Amino acid sequence: MATNEKDTSPHWRVIVIGGHTRSIGKTQLVCDVISAFPHWNWLAGKITQYGHGVCAQNGEDCDCAPSEHVCALDWETHANTGTDSARFLAAGARRSFWLRTKQGYLAEGLPLLRSALKKAHEHAKGDPPPLIVESNSLLQFLKPSLYFAVVDPSKEDFKDSARAALDRADAIVLRGSTENFPATAPSWMKLLIRLPCEKPSVSQKEGEPLPGPLSVLVQRVLEGPGTVSI
């Protein structure tokens, strides 16, 4: 996402939260980070890629052509709507968005994201506020200031995007135990067993506060300069 105007475009502090499948607490971890640092005027967002036949505008089945309705971005305006982006506001984010694209069309959605962030920065004073995004696929287009990967060994699903992203994680957040896996476990399960030995890792159950080691990493990013050109 870097441009040729690196000298004039703002540089952001970007934290990305990903994971190997759904429903393992990625959204909650975004909220935990925001809540742990409530005075930083966070911009928060979620990126969702829908499968074939599903429209990015509303997430429902659609007869639009593959090149139609490929992306949509909305700013959340209320903290009580029950959406993930509303949860970010409830946790203390100053603004929150939801970017939706058809599967494989995230590149087409990036201009929407750039434009939205540019407008958000225009209303802020000084450096851009910290940006935290729930996504795996965004790593294809930028190197974030910090990337946390959430893993739960009890979940069998393993996204291809997560497999590629795990090696780039600055820390692994374990939602379950890696003990008592059979020797015949699938290779992706063995990968989850190996990762905590190769990457800094912490265990955190949903509902627990942000672990100290993660707080230290986030604090360093917040106190440092922006490094990501969007």
Protein backbone atom coordinates (compact mmCIF):
# COMPACT_ATOMS: atom_id res chain seq x y z
CA MET A 1 0.00 0.00 0.00
CA ALA A 2 3.03 2.25 -0.12
CA THR A 3 2.86 5.15 -2.57
CA ASN A 4 5.42 7.22 -4.41
CA GLU A 5 4.69 10.13 -2.07
CA LYS A 6 6.37 8.72 1.00
CA ASP A 7 7.91 12.06 1.91
CA THR A 8 4.54 13.85 2.10
CA SER A 9 2.00 11.15 2.96
CA PRO A 10 1.38 10.43 6.65
CA HIS A 11 2.89 7.36 8.25
CA TRP A 12 0.65 5.31 10.48
CA ARG A 13 1.08 3.04 13.47
CA VAL A 14 -0.84 -0.03 12.34
CA ILE A 15 -1.70 -3.05 14.48
CA VAL A 16 -3.26 -6.04 12.73
CA ILE A 17 -5.10 -8.83 14.53
CA GLY A 18 -5.59 -12.11 12.67
CA GLY A 19 -6.21 -15.76 13.32
CA HIS A 20 -6.53 -19.15 11.69
CA THR A 21 -10.34 -19.35 11.63
CA ARG A 22 -13.59 -17.74 12.78
CA SER A 23 -14.99 -17.45 16.29
CA ILE A 24 -11.71 -17.63 18.19
CA GLY A 25 -11.78 -14.17 19.74
CA LYS A 26 -10.05 -11.95 17.17
CA THR A 27 -12.63 -9.21 17.60
CA GLN A 28 -12.33 -9.49 21.37
CA LEU A 29 -8.55 -9.07 21.17
CA VAL A 30 -9.01 -5.87 19.15
CA CYS A 31 -11.33 -4.63 21.89
CA ASP A 32 -8.83 -5.68 24.58
CA VAL A 33 -6.07 -3.63 22.96
CA ILE A 34 -8.30 -0.58 22.61
CA SER A 35 -9.54 -0.87 26.20
CA ALA A 36 -6.01 -1.24 27.56
CA PHE A 37 -4.98 2.08 25.97
CA PRO A 38 -8.16 4.20 26.16
CA HIS A 39 -6.62 7.62 25.57
CA TRP A 40 -5.16 7.05 22.13
CA ASN A 41 -8.15 7.96 19.91
CA TRP A 42 -8.02 4.67 18.03
CA LEU A 43 -9.26 4.14 14.52
CA ALA A 44 -10.49 0.56 14.38
CA GLY A 45 -11.74 -1.58 11.54
CA LYS A 46 -12.63 -5.01 10.32
CA ILE A 47 -12.05 -6.43 6.84
CA THR A 48 -14.34 -9.22 5.63
CA GLN A 49 -14.01 -11.11 2.37
CA TYR A 50 -17.19 -12.87 1.26
CA GLY A 51 -17.38 -16.02 -0.83
CA HIS A 52 -18.66 -16.36 -4.36
CA GLY A 53 -22.26 -15.30 -4.92
CA VAL A 54 -22.34 -13.01 -1.90
CA CYS A 55 -22.55 -9.26 -2.38
CA ALA A 56 -20.02 -7.06 -0.61
CA GLN A 57 -22.57 -4.27 -0.19
CA ASN A 58 -24.73 -6.11 2.33
CA GLY A 59 -23.21 -9.56 2.78
CA GLU A 60 -26.24 -11.32 1.28
CA ASP A 61 -26.70 -13.61 -1.71
CA CYS A 62 -26.65 -11.54 -4.86
CA ASP A 63 -27.00 -12.04 -8.61
CA CYS A 64 -24.47 -9.33 -9.38
CA ALA A 65 -21.68 -10.12 -11.81
CA PRO A 66 -18.24 -11.06 -10.40
CA SER A 67 -16.95 -7.55 -11.13
CA GLU A 68 -20.00 -5.76 -9.66
CA HIS A 69 -20.45 -4.69 -6.03
CA VAL A 70 -16.98 -5.98 -5.21
CA CYS A 71 -16.38 -3.75 -2.19
CA ALA A 72 -18.07 -1.46 0.31
CA LEU A 73 -16.93 0.47 3.36
CA ASP A 74 -19.12 1.89 6.10
CA TRP A 75 -18.30 3.85 9.23
CA GLU A 76 -20.06 2.60 12.34
CA THR A 77 -22.07 5.32 14.05
CA HIS A 78 -23.44 3.55 17.12
CA ALA A 79 -21.83 1.39 19.76
CA ASN A 80 -24.91 -0.73 20.46
CA THR A 81 -25.81 -2.26 17.09
CA GLY A 82 -24.23 -5.62 17.89
CA THR A 83 -21.79 -5.58 14.98
CA ASP A 84 -18.07 -6.13 15.47
CA SER A 85 -17.37 -2.56 14.41
CA ALA A 86 -19.83 -1.39 17.07
CA ARG A 87 -17.94 -3.43 19.64
CA PHE A 88 -14.80 -1.47 18.74
CA LEU A 89 -16.63 1.77 19.53
CA ALA A 90 -17.93 0.34 22.79
CA ALA A 91 -14.36 -0.59 23.72
CA GLY A 92 -13.29 3.04 23.29
CA ALA A 93 -12.30 3.53 19.64
CA ARG A 94 -12.85 7.06 18.36
CA ARG A 95 -14.05 5.80 14.98
CA SER A 96 -14.73 2.37 13.55
CA PHE A 97 -15.28 1.00 10.04
CA TRP A 98 -16.19 -2.21 8.27
CA LEU A 99 -14.64 -2.92 4.85
CA ARG A 100 -16.27 -5.73 2.89
CA THR A 101 -15.04 -7.22 -0.37
CA LYS A 102 -15.77 -10.21 -2.50
CA GLN A 103 -13.31 -13.04 -2.07
CA GLY A 104 -10.08 -12.18 -3.86
CA TYR A 105 -11.00 -8.53 -4.43
CA LEU A 106 -9.35 -6.88 -1.45
CA ALA A 107 -7.01 -4.93 -3.75
CA GLU A 108 -10.11 -3.27 -5.26
CA GLY A 109 -11.22 -2.28 -1.77
CA LEU A 110 -7.96 -0.62 -0.76
CA PRO A 111 -8.72 2.71 -2.49
CA LEU A 112 -11.87 2.92 -0.35
CA LEU A 113 -9.77 2.30 2.74
CA ARG A 114 -7.16 4.89 1.76
CA SER A 115 -9.83 7.49 1.09
CA ALA A 116 -11.63 6.79 4.37
CA LEU A 117 -8.43 7.00 6.40
CA LYS A 118 -7.36 10.17 4.62
CA LYS A 119 -10.62 11.86 5.54
CA ALA A 120 -10.37 10.61 9.13
CA HIS A 121 -6.86 12.01 9.40
CA GLU A 122 -7.95 15.37 8.00
CA HIS A 123 -10.26 15.78 10.98
CA ALA A 124 -7.49 14.94 13.47
CA LYS A 125 -4.69 17.19 14.59
CA GLY A 126 -1.04 16.21 14.26
CA ASP A 127 0.05 12.67 13.46
CA PRO A 128 -2.48 10.04 12.41
CA PRO A 129 -4.09 8.18 15.32
CA PRO A 130 -3.17 4.52 15.79
CA LEU A 131 -5.03 2.17 13.48
CA ILE A 132 -6.02 -1.35 14.55
CA VAL A 133 -7.56 -3.74 12.01
CA GLU A 134 -8.98 -7.24 12.28
CA SER A 135 -7.77 -9.03 9.16
CA ASN A 136 -5.39 -11.65 7.82
CA SER A 137 -5.48 -10.68 4.17
CA LEU A 138 -4.33 -7.10 4.76
CA LEU A 139 -0.84 -8.49 5.35
CA GLN A 140 -0.62 -9.13 1.60
CA PHE A 141 -0.48 -5.38 1.04
CA LEU A 142 1.45 -3.90 3.95
CA LYS A 143 3.86 -4.64 6.75
CA PRO A 144 2.10 -3.55 9.94
CA SER A 145 3.81 -2.08 12.97
CA LEU A 146 2.60 -5.12 14.91
CA TYR A 147 0.75 -8.34 14.07
CA PHE A 148 -0.89 -10.63 16.62
CA ALA A 149 -2.17 -14.05 15.51
CA VAL A 150 -4.92 -15.70 17.54
CA VAL A 151 -4.93 -19.51 17.47
CA ASP A 152 -7.15 -22.12 19.09
CA PRO A 153 -5.90 -25.70 18.69
CA SER A 154 -9.40 -27.04 19.32
CA LYS A 155 -10.62 -25.51 16.05
CA GLU A 156 -9.93 -27.70 13.05
CA ASP A 157 -10.50 -25.09 10.34
CA PHE A 158 -7.31 -23.44 9.09
CA LYS A 159 -7.55 -20.59 6.59
CA ASP A 160 -4.95 -20.45 3.82
CA SER A 161 -4.41 -16.75 4.53
CA ALA A 162 -3.68 -17.56 8.16
CA ARG A 163 -1.14 -20.22 7.22
CA ALA A 164 0.80 -17.66 5.19
CA ALA A 165 0.51 -15.00 7.89
CA LEU A 166 1.52 -16.96 10.99
CA ASP A 167 5.22 -16.78 10.21
CA ARG A 168 4.94 -12.97 10.25
CA ALA A 169 3.32 -12.80 13.68
CA ASP A 170 5.05 -10.75 16.37
CA ALA A 171 3.22 -12.79 19.00
CA ILE A 172 0.85 -15.77 19.18
CA VAL A 173 -2.24 -15.52 21.38
CA LEU A 174 -3.38 -19.00 22.44
CA ARG A 175 -7.07 -19.51 23.21
CA GLY A 176 -6.73 -23.18 24.12
CA SER A 177 -4.25 -25.90 25.01
CA THR A 178 -1.84 -27.58 22.59
CA GLU A 179 -1.50 -30.62 24.87
CA ASN A 180 -2.77 -34.13 24.22
CA PHE A 181 -2.78 -33.97 20.43
CA PRO A 182 -2.43 -37.44 18.89
CA ALA A 183 0.69 -38.30 16.92
CA THR A 184 -1.51 -38.67 13.84
CA ALA A 185 -2.83 -35.12 14.09
CA PRO A 186 -3.06 -33.21 10.78
CA SER A 187 -0.01 -31.18 9.81
CA TRP A 188 -1.71 -27.87 10.54
CA MET A 189 -2.30 -28.98 14.16
CA LYS A 190 1.38 -29.88 14.47
CA LEU A 191 2.15 -26.39 13.18
CA LEU A 192 0.13 -24.91 16.04
CA ILE A 193 2.09 -27.04 18.50
CA ARG A 194 5.40 -25.85 17.05
CA LEU A 195 4.58 -22.14 16.83
CA PRO A 196 4.73 -21.29 20.56
CA CYS A 197 8.27 -22.68 20.60
CA GLU A 198 9.31 -20.42 17.73
CA LYS A 199 7.31 -17.25 18.42
CA PRO A 200 6.61 -15.22 21.57
CA SER A 201 3.29 -16.55 22.83
CA VAL A 202 0.79 -15.89 25.60
CA SER A 203 -2.34 -17.67 26.76
CA GLN A 204 -5.46 -15.58 27.13
CA LYS A 205 -9.02 -16.69 27.67
CA GLU A 206 -11.73 -14.42 26.33
CA GLY A 207 -12.78 -12.03 29.06
CA GLU A 208 -9.31 -11.78 30.56
CA PRO A 209 -7.43 -8.46 30.33
CA LEU A 210 -4.74 -7.90 27.73
CA PRO A 211 -1.68 -9.92 28.82
CA GLY A 212 1.32 -7.94 30.00
CA PRO A 213 3.70 -9.02 27.20
CA LEU A 214 1.21 -7.86 24.58
CA SER A 215 0.73 -4.56 26.40
CA VAL A 216 4.47 -3.97 26.27
CA LEU A 217 4.56 -4.55 22.51
CA VAL A 218 1.58 -2.27 21.91
CA GLN A 219 3.06 0.45 24.15
CA ARG A 220 6.27 0.43 22.13
CA VAL A 221 4.34 0.95 18.91
CA LEU A 222 2.22 3.73 20.37
CA GLU A 223 5.23 5.59 21.72
CA GLY A 224 7.19 5.20 18.48
CA PRO A 225 6.78 6.97 15.16
CA GLY A 226 4.43 5.83 12.42
CA THR A 227 6.14 3.54 9.91
CA VAL A 228 3.36 2.41 7.56
CA SER A 229 2.46 4.36 4.42
CA ILE A 230 -1.11 3.66 3.35
